[in-house]
């Protein structure tokens, strides 16, 4: 009896875990708009399982685009970080 109950609970847990893993891996598309100097905007669309992951990926992409993979200097780098960390959603 104890073994049957244990196997039933274990099997139910595995089924529910598999269902949450399937739903967690489906990606959704998120749009982020960044306000640049001279009234320009940069729009980045990022697919991710949740908004937090999409935000992180979009911020990295924003930084890469604005720096063009070159060291911008400390002051300009801080300004770019400020832009990329604060999207207008």
Protein backbone atom coordinates (compact mmCIF):
# COMPACT_ATOMS: atom_id res chain seq x y z
CA UNK A 1 0.00 0.00 0.00
CA UNK A 2 2.77 2.44 0.92
CA UNK A 3 4.66 1.63 -2.27
CA UNK A 4 1.58 2.18 -4.41
CA UNK A 5 0.91 5.54 -2.78
CA UNK A 6 4.56 6.58 -3.17
CA UNK A 7 4.61 5.59 -6.87
CA UNK A 8 1.32 7.42 -7.48
CA UNK A 9 2.59 10.62 -5.85
CA UNK A 10 5.91 10.37 -7.68
CA UNK A 11 4.23 9.76 -11.04
CA UNK A 12 1.80 12.67 -10.51
CA UNK A 13 4.69 14.95 -9.62
CA UNK A 14 6.61 13.97 -12.74
CA UNK A 15 3.59 14.60 -14.95
CA UNK A 16 2.97 18.06 -13.47
CA UNK A 17 6.70 18.91 -13.67
CA UNK A 18 6.74 17.94 -17.35
CA UNK A 19 3.71 20.13 -18.03
CA UNK A 20 5.34 23.17 -16.44
CA UNK A 21 8.60 22.57 -18.31
CA UNK A 22 6.75 22.49 -21.63
CA UNK A 23 4.88 25.73 -20.97
CA UNK A 24 7.98 27.49 -19.60
CA UNK A 25 10.00 26.88 -22.74
CA UNK A 26 7.55 28.50 -25.13
CA UNK A 27 8.95 31.86 -26.18
CA UNK A 28 6.94 35.04 -26.50
CA UNK A 29 7.94 38.13 -28.44
CA UNK A 30 8.56 41.38 -26.52
CA UNK A 31 9.17 44.85 -27.96
CA UNK A 32 11.45 47.39 -26.29
CA UNK A 33 11.85 51.00 -27.38
CA UNK A 34 14.87 53.02 -26.31
CA UNK A 35 14.90 56.81 -26.46
CA UNK A 36 18.14 58.06 -28.00
CA UNK A 37 19.54 61.59 -28.16
CA UNK A 38 18.16 63.96 -30.84
CA UNK A 39 14.63 62.50 -30.46
CA UNK A 40 15.56 59.20 -32.13
CA UNK A 41 14.32 55.81 -31.00
CA UNK A 42 15.72 52.29 -31.22
CA UNK A 43 13.25 49.41 -31.25
CA UNK A 44 14.37 45.90 -30.37
CA UNK A 45 12.10 42.86 -30.56
CA UNK A 46 13.24 39.96 -28.43
CA UNK A 47 11.79 36.45 -28.06
CA UNK A 48 12.14 34.84 -24.64
CA UNK A 49 10.19 32.68 -22.18
CA UNK A 50 9.41 35.68 -19.96
CA UNK A 51 9.69 39.46 -19.90
CA UNK A 52 12.68 39.54 -17.56
CA UNK A 53 14.80 37.36 -19.85
CA UNK A 54 13.69 39.38 -22.89
CA UNK A 55 14.65 42.60 -21.06
CA UNK A 56 18.16 41.30 -20.32
CA UNK A 57 18.72 40.11 -23.88
CA UNK A 58 17.36 43.34 -25.37
CA UNK A 59 19.55 45.47 -23.09
CA UNK A 60 22.66 43.58 -24.21
CA UNK A 61 21.65 43.95 -27.87
CA UNK A 62 20.97 47.67 -27.34
CA UNK A 63 24.42 48.17 -25.83
CA UNK A 64 26.10 46.27 -28.68
CA UNK A 65 24.27 48.32 -31.32
CA UNK A 66 25.03 51.66 -29.70
CA UNK A 67 28.69 50.90 -29.04
CA UNK A 68 29.23 48.95 -32.27
CA UNK A 69 31.39 46.55 -30.22
CA UNK A 70 33.95 49.28 -29.51
CA UNK A 71 34.91 50.80 -26.17
CA UNK A 72 32.95 54.09 -25.99
CA UNK A 73 34.84 55.63 -23.06
CA UNK A 74 33.63 55.86 -19.48
CA UNK A 75 31.24 58.82 -19.72
CA UNK A 76 29.61 57.80 -23.00
CA UNK A 77 29.49 54.18 -21.80
CA UNK A 78 27.55 55.22 -18.70
CA UNK A 79 25.11 57.21 -20.85
CA UNK A 80 24.58 54.19 -23.12
CA UNK A 81 24.02 51.94 -20.09
CA UNK A 82 21.42 54.42 -18.81
CA UNK A 83 19.62 54.35 -22.17
CA UNK A 84 19.69 50.54 -22.49
CA UNK A 85 18.63 49.92 -18.88
CA UNK A 86 15.48 52.07 -19.23
CA UNK A 87 13.38 51.02 -22.21
CA UNK A 88 10.02 52.62 -22.92
CA UNK A 89 7.68 49.64 -23.04
